[in-house]
PDB file of all heavy atoms in Angstrom:
ATOM      1  N   VAL A   1       0.875  -1.201   0.014  1.00  0.00           N
ATOM      2  CA  VAL A   1      -0.012  -0.029   0.018  1.00  0.00           C
ATOM      3  C   VAL A   1       0.863   1.253   0.016  1.00  0.00           C
ATOM      4  O   VAL A   1       0.378   2.334   0.356  1.00  0.00           O
ATOM      5  CB  VAL A   1      -0.999   0.046   1.196  1.00  0.00           C
ATOM      6  CG1 VAL A   1      -2.028  -0.959   1.053  1.00  0.00           C
ATOM      7  CG2 VAL A   1      -0.309  -0.129   2.569  1.00  0.00           C
ATOM      8  N   GLY A   2       2.148   1.082  -0.361  1.00  0.00           N
ATOM      9  CA  GLY A   2       3.009   2.207  -0.587  1.00  0.00           C
ATOM     10  C   GLY A   2       3.559   2.875   0.708  1.00  0.00           C
ATOM     11  O   GLY A   2       3.800   4.015   0.768  1.00  0.00           O
ATOM     12  N   LEU A   3       3.615   2.126   1.907  1.00  0.00           N
ATOM     13  CA  LEU A   3       4.146   2.547   3.087  1.00  0.00           C
ATOM     14  C   LEU A   3       5.485   1.934   3.490  1.00  0.00           C
ATOM     15  O   LEU A   3       5.821   1.887   4.753  1.00  0.00           O
ATOM     16  CB  LEU A   3       3.179   2.273   4.214  1.00  0.00           C
ATOM     17  CG  LEU A   3       1.756   3.025   4.135  1.00  0.00           C
ATOM     18  CD1 LEU A   3       0.877   2.551   5.159  1.00  0.00           C
ATOM     19  CD2 LEU A   3       1.907   4.545   4.143  1.00  0.00           C
ATOM     20  N   ASP A   4       6.353   1.564   2.539  1.00  0.00           N
ATOM     21  CA  ASP A   4       7.579   0.859   2.873  1.00  0.00           C
ATOM     22  C   ASP A   4       8.543   1.784   3.535  1.00  0.00           C
ATOM     23  O   ASP A   4       9.637   1.355   4.075  1.00  0.00           O
ATOM     24  CB  ASP A   4       8.213   0.101   1.672  1.00  0.00           C
ATOM     25  CG  ASP A   4       8.418   1.103   0.547  1.00  0.00           C
ATOM     26  OD1 ASP A   4       8.048   2.259   0.662  1.00  0.00           O
ATOM     27  OD2 ASP A   4       9.026   0.674  -0.423  1.00  0.00           O
ATOM     28  N   TYR A   5       8.329   3.133   3.398  1.00  0.00           N
ATOM     29  CA  TYR A   5       9.221   4.179   3.986  1.00  0.00           C
ATOM     30  C   TYR A   5       8.985   4.400   5.431  1.00  0.00           C
ATOM     31  O   TYR A   5       9.835   4.994   6.206  1.00  0.00           O
ATOM     32  CB  TYR A   5       9.107   5.471   3.193  1.00  0.00           C
ATOM     33  CG  TYR A   5       7.671   6.005   3.322  1.00  0.00           C
ATOM     34  CD1 TYR A   5       7.309   6.869   4.284  1.00  0.00           C
ATOM     35  CD2 TYR A   5       6.792   5.706   2.225  1.00  0.00           C
ATOM     36  CE1 TYR A   5       5.992   7.380   4.391  1.00  0.00           C
ATOM     37  CE2 TYR A   5       5.557   6.206   2.298  1.00  0.00           C
ATOM     38  CZ  TYR A   5       5.061   7.018   3.350  1.00  0.00           C
ATOM     39  OH  TYR A   5       3.810   7.553   3.358  1.00  0.00           O
ATOM     40  N   LEU A   6       7.842   3.977   6.052  1.00  0.00           N
ATOM     41  CA  LEU A   6       7.500   4.342   7.432  1.00  0.00           C
ATOM     42  C   LEU A   6       8.353   3.457   8.349  1.00  0.00           C
ATOM     43  O   LEU A   6       8.675   2.308   8.067  1.00  0.00           O
ATOM     44  CB  LEU A   6       6.070   4.001   7.757  1.00  0.00           C
ATOM     45  CG  LEU A   6       4.973   4.938   7.241  1.00  0.00           C
ATOM     46  CD1 LEU A   6       3.562   4.516   7.735  1.00  0.00           C
ATOM     47  CD2 LEU A   6       5.229   6.365   7.744  1.00  0.00           C
ATOM     48  N   THR A   7       8.910   3.996   9.460  1.00  0.00           N
ATOM     49  CA  THR A   7       9.565   3.203  10.422  1.00  0.00           C
ATOM     50  C   THR A   7       8.444   2.516  11.287  1.00  0.00           C
ATOM     51  O   THR A   7       7.392   3.096  11.513  1.00  0.00           O
ATOM     52  CB  THR A   7      10.435   3.964  11.437  1.00  0.00           C
ATOM     53  OG1 THR A   7       9.724   5.140  11.911  1.00  0.00           O
ATOM     54  CG2 THR A   7      11.629   4.657  10.638  1.00  0.00           C
ATOM     55  N   LEU A   8       8.766   1.417  11.755  1.00  0.00           N
ATOM     56  CA  LEU A   8       7.747   0.591  12.568  1.00  0.00           C
ATOM     57  C   LEU A   8       7.347   1.267  13.919  1.00  0.00           C
ATOM     58  O   LEU A   8       6.318   1.004  14.345  1.00  0.00           O
ATOM     59  CB  LEU A   8       8.294  -0.862  12.766  1.00  0.00           C
ATOM     60  CG  LEU A   8       8.507  -1.743  11.543  1.00  0.00           C
ATOM     61  CD1 LEU A   8       9.223  -2.993  11.933  1.00  0.00           C
ATOM     62  CD2 LEU A   8       7.079  -1.998  10.946  1.00  0.00           C
ATOM     63  N   ASP A   9       8.190   2.153  14.458  1.00  0.00           N
ATOM     64  CA  ASP A   9       7.829   2.779  15.744  1.00  0.00           C
ATOM     65  C   ASP A   9       7.308   4.190  15.505  1.00  0.00           C
ATOM     66  O   ASP A   9       7.150   4.936  16.483  1.00  0.00           O
ATOM     67  CB  ASP A   9       9.079   2.878  16.608  1.00  0.00           C
ATOM     68  CG  ASP A   9      10.148   3.808  16.037  1.00  0.00           C
ATOM     69  OD1 ASP A   9      10.068   4.204  14.852  1.00  0.00           O
ATOM     70  OD2 ASP A   9      11.136   4.130  16.731  1.00  0.00           O
ATOM     71  N   ARG A  10       6.950   4.473  14.289  1.00  0.00           N
ATOM     72  CA  ARG A  10       6.296   5.830  13.994  1.00  0.00           C
ATOM     73  C   ARG A  10       5.031   6.050  14.817  1.00  0.00           C
ATOM     74  O   ARG A  10       4.216   5.239  14.805  1.00  0.00           O
ATOM     75  CB  ARG A  10       6.031   5.979  12.517  1.00  0.00           C
ATOM     76  CG  ARG A  10       5.422   7.270  12.080  1.00  0.00           C
ATOM     77  CD  ARG A  10       6.393   8.450  11.915  1.00  0.00           C
ATOM     78  NE  ARG A  10       5.660   9.510  11.228  1.00  0.00           N
ATOM     79  CZ  ARG A  10       5.721   9.689   9.829  1.00  0.00           C
ATOM     80  NH1 ARG A  10       6.506   9.035   9.140  1.00  0.00           N
ATOM     81  NH2 ARG A  10       5.089  10.703   9.388  1.00  0.00           N
ATOM     82  N   GLU A  11       5.045   7.203  15.532  1.00  0.00           N
ATOM     83  CA  GLU A  11       3.751   7.491  16.328  1.00  0.00           C
ATOM     84  C   GLU A  11       2.471   7.615  15.419  1.00  0.00           C
ATOM     85  O   GLU A  11       2.649   8.426  14.472  1.00  0.00           O
ATOM     86  CB  GLU A  11       3.973   8.757  17.149  1.00  0.00           C
ATOM     87  CG  GLU A  11       4.829   8.615  18.379  1.00  0.00           C
ATOM     88  CD  GLU A  11       4.893   9.813  19.286  1.00  0.00           C
ATOM     89  OE1 GLU A  11       3.805  10.487  19.417  1.00  0.00           O
ATOM     90  OE2 GLU A  11       5.869  10.091  19.827  1.00  0.00           O
ATOM     91  N   SER A  12       1.490   7.033  15.832  1.00  0.00           N
ATOM     92  CA  SER A  12       0.241   7.067  15.021  1.00  0.00           C
ATOM     93  C   SER A  12      -0.354   8.455  14.702  1.00  0.00           C
ATOM     94  O   SER A  12      -0.736   8.807  13.622  1.00  0.00           O
ATOM     95  CB  SER A  12      -0.891   6.276  15.670  1.00  0.00           C
ATOM     96  OG  SER A  12      -0.435   4.928  15.879  1.00  0.00           O
ATOM     97  N   GLN A  13      -0.144   9.329  15.752  1.00  0.00           N
ATOM     98  CA  GLN A  13      -0.660  10.730  15.688  1.00  0.00           C
ATOM     99  C   GLN A  13       0.122  11.568  14.640  1.00  0.00           C
ATOM    100  O   GLN A  13      -0.382  12.590  14.186  1.00  0.00           O
ATOM    101  CB  GLN A  13      -0.734  11.397  16.956  1.00  0.00           C
ATOM    102  CG  GLN A  13       0.603  11.646  17.589  1.00  0.00           C
ATOM    103  CD  GLN A  13       0.479  11.961  19.077  1.00  0.00           C
ATOM    104  OE1 GLN A  13      -0.310  11.420  19.792  1.00  0.00           O
ATOM    105  NE2 GLN A  13       1.337  12.938  19.589  1.00  0.00           N
ATOM    106  N   THR A  14       1.342  11.078  14.255  1.00  0.00           N
ATOM    107  CA  THR A  14       2.023  11.891  13.287  1.00  0.00           C
ATOM    108  C   THR A  14       1.831  11.436  11.780  1.00  0.00           C
ATOM    109  O   THR A  14       2.383  11.996  10.928  1.00  0.00           O
ATOM    110  CB  THR A  14       3.634  11.758  13.518  1.00  0.00           C
ATOM    111  OG1 THR A  14       4.014  10.418  13.308  1.00  0.00           O
ATOM    112  CG2 THR A  14       3.988  12.122  14.980  1.00  0.00           C
ATOM    113  N   LEU A  15       1.046  10.421  11.609  1.00  0.00           N
ATOM    114  CA  LEU A  15       0.666   9.932  10.341  1.00  0.00           C
ATOM    115  C   LEU A  15      -0.295  10.778   9.695  1.00  0.00           C
ATOM    116  O   LEU A  15      -1.148  11.361  10.252  1.00  0.00           O
ATOM    117  CB  LEU A  15       0.102   8.511  10.381  1.00  0.00           C
ATOM    118  CG  LEU A  15       0.916   7.369  10.948  1.00  0.00           C
ATOM    119  CD1 LEU A  15       0.043   6.119  11.085  1.00  0.00           C
ATOM    120  CD2 LEU A  15       2.125   7.081   9.962  1.00  0.00           C
ATOM    121  N   SER A  16      -0.120  10.968   8.358  1.00  0.00           N
ATOM    122  CA  SER A  16      -1.181  11.807   7.596  1.00  0.00           C
ATOM    123  C   SER A  16      -2.447  10.921   7.548  1.00  0.00           C
ATOM    124  O   SER A  16      -2.448   9.720   7.767  1.00  0.00           O
ATOM    125  CB  SER A  16      -0.672  12.068   6.194  1.00  0.00           C
ATOM    126  OG  SER A  16      -0.632  10.848   5.375  1.00  0.00           O
ATOM    127  N   GLY A  17      -3.567  11.544   7.107  1.00  0.00           N
ATOM    128  CA  GLY A  17      -4.804  10.961   6.963  1.00  0.00           C
ATOM    129  C   GLY A  17      -4.727   9.707   5.975  1.00  0.00           C
ATOM    130  O   GLY A  17      -5.265   8.602   6.235  1.00  0.00           O
ATOM    131  N   GLY A  18      -3.990   9.960   4.836  1.00  0.00           N
ATOM    132  CA  GLY A  18      -3.955   8.901   3.857  1.00  0.00           C
ATOM    133  C   GLY A  18      -2.999   7.692   4.432  1.00  0.00           C
ATOM    134  O   GLY A  18      -3.363   6.572   4.033  1.00  0.00           O
ATOM    135  N   GLU A  19      -2.004   8.017   5.083  1.00  0.00           N
ATOM    136  CA  GLU A  19      -1.158   6.917   5.659  1.00  0.00           C
ATOM    137  C   GLU A  19      -1.915   6.069   6.574  1.00  0.00           C
ATOM    138  O   GLU A  19      -1.857   4.896   6.642  1.00  0.00           O
ATOM    139  CB  GLU A  19       0.090   7.599   6.329  1.00  0.00           C
ATOM    140  CG  GLU A  19       1.044   8.135   5.312  1.00  0.00           C
ATOM    141  CD  GLU A  19       2.237   8.936   5.991  1.00  0.00           C
ATOM    142  OE1 GLU A  19       1.964   9.474   7.117  1.00  0.00           O
ATOM    143  OE2 GLU A  19       3.261   9.032   5.354  1.00  0.00           O
ATOM    144  N   ALA A  20      -2.651   6.720   7.452  1.00  0.00           N
ATOM    145  CA  ALA A  20      -3.494   6.028   8.510  1.00  0.00           C
ATOM    146  C   ALA A  20      -4.495   5.111   7.945  1.00  0.00           C
ATOM    147  O   ALA A  20      -4.701   3.968   8.273  1.00  0.00           O
ATOM    148  CB  ALA A  20      -4.197   7.036   9.550  1.00  0.00           C
ATOM    149  N   GLN A  21      -5.051   5.609   6.749  1.00  0.00           N
ATOM    150  CA  GLN A  21      -6.108   4.826   6.118  1.00  0.00           C
ATOM    151  C   GLN A  21      -5.521   3.593   5.423  1.00  0.00           C
ATOM    152  O   GLN A  21      -6.028   2.513   5.454  1.00  0.00           O
ATOM    153  CB  GLN A  21      -6.751   5.733   5.075  1.00  0.00           C
ATOM    154  CG  GLN A  21      -8.207   5.146   4.661  1.00  0.00           C
ATOM    155  CD  GLN A  21      -8.889   6.244   3.727  1.00  0.00           C
ATOM    156  OE1 GLN A  21      -8.237   6.976   2.998  1.00  0.00           O
ATOM    157  NE2 GLN A  21     -10.179   6.313   3.808  1.00  0.00           N
ATOM    158  N   ARG A  22      -4.274   3.847   4.821  1.00  0.00           N
ATOM    159  CA  ARG A  22      -3.629   2.776   4.186  1.00  0.00           C
ATOM    160  C   ARG A  22      -3.035   1.626   5.177  1.00  0.00           C
ATOM    161  O   ARG A  22      -3.042   0.440   4.849  1.00  0.00           O
ATOM    162  CB  ARG A  22      -2.534   3.274   3.277  1.00  0.00           C
ATOM    163  CG  ARG A  22      -3.076   3.803   2.051  1.00  0.00           C
ATOM    164  CD  ARG A  22      -2.022   4.340   1.052  1.00  0.00           C
ATOM    165  NE  ARG A  22      -1.707   5.755   1.492  1.00  0.00           N
ATOM    166  CZ  ARG A  22      -0.442   6.236   1.463  1.00  0.00           C
ATOM    167  NH1 ARG A  22       0.562   5.434   1.049  1.00  0.00           N
ATOM    168  NH2 ARG A  22      -0.231   7.449   1.822  1.00  0.00           N
ATOM    169  N   ILE A  23      -2.722   2.053   6.346  1.00  0.00           N
ATOM    170  CA  ILE A  23      -2.320   1.024   7.430  1.00  0.00           C
ATOM    171  C   ILE A  23      -3.612   0.155   7.741  1.00  0.00           C
ATOM    172  O   ILE A  23      -3.557  -1.040   7.760  1.00  0.00           O
ATOM    173  CB  ILE A  23      -1.763   1.751   8.579  1.00  0.00           C
ATOM    174  CG1 ILE A  23      -0.351   2.240   8.403  1.00  0.00           C
ATOM    175  CG2 ILE A  23      -1.756   0.839   9.861  1.00  0.00           C
ATOM    176  CD1 ILE A  23       0.368   2.870   9.533  1.00  0.00           C
ATOM    177  N   HIS A  24      -4.709   0.941   7.876  1.00  0.00           N
ATOM    178  CA  HIS A  24      -5.997   0.291   8.180  1.00  0.00           C
ATOM    179  C   HIS A  24      -6.250  -0.829   7.019  1.00  0.00           C
ATOM    180  O   HIS A  24      -6.656  -1.866   7.318  1.00  0.00           O
ATOM    181  CB  HIS A  24      -7.062   1.240   8.128  1.00  0.00           C
ATOM    182  CG  HIS A  24      -8.315   0.827   9.023  1.00  0.00           C
ATOM    183  ND1 HIS A  24      -9.043   1.748   9.799  1.00  0.00           N
ATOM    184  CD2 HIS A  24      -8.893  -0.408   9.057  1.00  0.00           C
ATOM    185  CE1 HIS A  24     -10.106   1.026  10.294  1.00  0.00           C
ATOM    186  NE2 HIS A  24      -9.971  -0.278   9.885  1.00  0.00           N
ATOM    187  N   LEU A  25      -6.013  -0.330   5.833  1.00  0.00           N
ATOM    188  CA  LEU A  25      -6.226  -1.224   4.654  1.00  0.00           C
ATOM    189  C   LEU A  25      -5.428  -2.463   4.676  1.00  0.00           C
ATOM    190  O   LEU A  25      -5.797  -3.509   4.489  1.00  0.00           O
ATOM    191  CB  LEU A  25      -5.984  -0.323   3.362  1.00  0.00           C
ATOM    192  CG  LEU A  25      -6.567  -0.756   2.091  1.00  0.00           C
ATOM    193  CD1 LEU A  25      -8.129  -0.742   2.165  1.00  0.00           C
ATOM    194  CD2 LEU A  25      -6.211   0.252   0.989  1.00  0.00           C
ATOM    195  N   ALA A  26      -4.077  -2.211   4.965  1.00  0.00           N
ATOM    196  CA  ALA A  26      -3.194  -3.335   5.050  1.00  0.00           C
ATOM    197  C   ALA A  26      -3.590  -4.375   6.121  1.00  0.00           C
ATOM    198  O   ALA A  26      -3.417  -5.539   5.857  1.00  0.00           O
ATOM    199  CB  ALA A  26      -1.716  -2.798   5.381  1.00  0.00           C
ATOM    200  N   THR A  27      -4.075  -3.842   7.204  1.00  0.00           N
ATOM    201  CA  THR A  27      -4.604  -4.807   8.250  1.00  0.00           C
ATOM    202  C   THR A  27      -5.778  -5.658   7.758  1.00  0.00           C
ATOM    203  O   THR A  27      -5.869  -6.804   8.061  1.00  0.00           O
ATOM    204  CB  THR A  27      -5.059  -3.908   9.423  1.00  0.00           C
ATOM    205  OG1 THR A  27      -4.088  -3.026   9.856  1.00  0.00           O
ATOM    206  CG2 THR A  27      -5.360  -4.763  10.668  1.00  0.00           C
ATOM    207  N   GLN A  28      -6.673  -4.955   7.006  1.00  0.00           N
ATOM    208  CA  GLN A  28      -7.768  -5.766   6.506  1.00  0.00           C
ATOM    209  C   GLN A  28      -7.464  -6.852   5.466  1.00  0.00           C
ATOM    210  O   GLN A  28      -7.998  -7.891   5.521  1.00  0.00           O
ATOM    211  CB  GLN A  28      -8.766  -4.760   5.763  1.00  0.00           C
ATOM    212  CG  GLN A  28      -9.468  -3.845   6.723  1.00  0.00           C
ATOM    213  CD  GLN A  28     -10.183  -4.509   7.838  1.00  0.00           C
ATOM    214  OE1 GLN A  28     -10.855  -5.542   7.558  1.00  0.00           O
ATOM    215  NE2 GLN A  28     -10.039  -4.038   9.006  1.00  0.00           N
ATOM    216  N   ILE A  29      -6.392  -6.485   4.612  1.00  0.00           N
ATOM    217  CA  ILE A  29      -5.897  -7.555   3.672  1.00  0.00           C
ATOM    218  C   ILE A  29      -5.354  -8.709   4.502  1.00  0.00           C
ATOM    219  O   ILE A  29      -5.583  -9.845   4.097  1.00  0.00           O
ATOM    220  CB  ILE A  29      -4.876  -7.012   2.729  1.00  0.00           C
ATOM    221  CG1 ILE A  29      -5.439  -5.846   1.926  1.00  0.00           C
ATOM    222  CG2 ILE A  29      -4.328  -8.034   1.804  1.00  0.00           C
ATOM    223  CD1 ILE A  29      -4.449  -4.934   1.165  1.00  0.00           C
ATOM    224  N   GLY A  30      -4.601  -8.368   5.547  1.00  0.00           N
ATOM    225  CA  GLY A  30      -4.040  -9.355   6.393  1.00  0.00           C
ATOM    226  C   GLY A  30      -5.108 -10.265   7.062  1.00  0.00           C
ATOM    227  O   GLY A  30      -4.793 -11.478   7.365  1.00  0.00           O
ATOM    228  N   SER A  31      -6.229  -9.759   7.400  1.00  0.00           N
ATOM    229  CA  SER A  31      -7.323 -10.590   7.966  1.00  0.00           C
ATOM    230  C   SER A  31      -7.872 -11.602   7.036  1.00  0.00           C
ATOM    231  O   SER A  31      -8.425 -12.589   7.482  1.00  0.00           O
ATOM    232  CB  SER A  31      -8.355  -9.597   8.464  1.00  0.00           C
ATOM    233  OG  SER A  31      -9.107  -9.044   7.396  1.00  0.00           O
ATOM    234  N   GLY A  32      -7.799 -11.421   5.747  1.00  0.00           N
ATOM    235  CA  GLY A  32      -8.306 -12.304   4.704  1.00  0.00           C
ATOM    236  C   GLY A  32      -9.783 -12.612   4.785  1.00  0.00           C
ATOM    237  O   GLY A  32     -10.235 -13.697   4.394  1.00  0.00           O
ATOM    238  N   LEU A  33     -10.583 -11.650   5.181  1.00  0.00           N
ATOM    239  CA  LEU A  33     -11.998 -11.821   5.243  1.00  0.00           C
ATOM    240  C   LEU A  33     -12.659 -11.804   3.915  1.00  0.00           C
ATOM    241  O   LEU A  33     -12.042 -11.196   2.944  1.00  0.00           O
ATOM    242  CB  LEU A  33     -12.612 -10.704   6.106  1.00  0.00           C
ATOM    243  CG  LEU A  33     -12.281 -10.628   7.571  1.00  0.00           C
ATOM    244  CD1 LEU A  33     -12.827  -9.419   8.229  1.00  0.00           C
ATOM    245  CD2 LEU A  33     -12.811 -11.941   8.279  1.00  0.00           C
ATOM    246  N   THR A  34     -13.810 -12.439   3.743  1.00  0.00           N
ATOM    247  CA  THR A  34     -14.615 -12.429   2.483  1.00  0.00           C
ATOM    248  C   THR A  34     -16.037 -12.070   2.797  1.00  0.00           C
ATOM    249  O   THR A  34     -16.436 -12.036   3.891  1.00  0.00           O
ATOM    250  CB  THR A  34     -14.559 -13.802   1.683  1.00  0.00           C
ATOM    251  OG1 THR A  34     -15.215 -14.741   2.556  1.00  0.00           O
ATOM    252  CG2 THR A  34     -13.159 -14.220   1.395  1.00  0.00           C
TER     253      THR A  34
END
């Protein structure tokens, strides 16, 4: 989802709206729901 530049310890509140949304998206893909 284009977030390979983020460090793993980056504070959530410093993420832009688009970055936060894409992390959410990555989590959903990982869940594998249908």
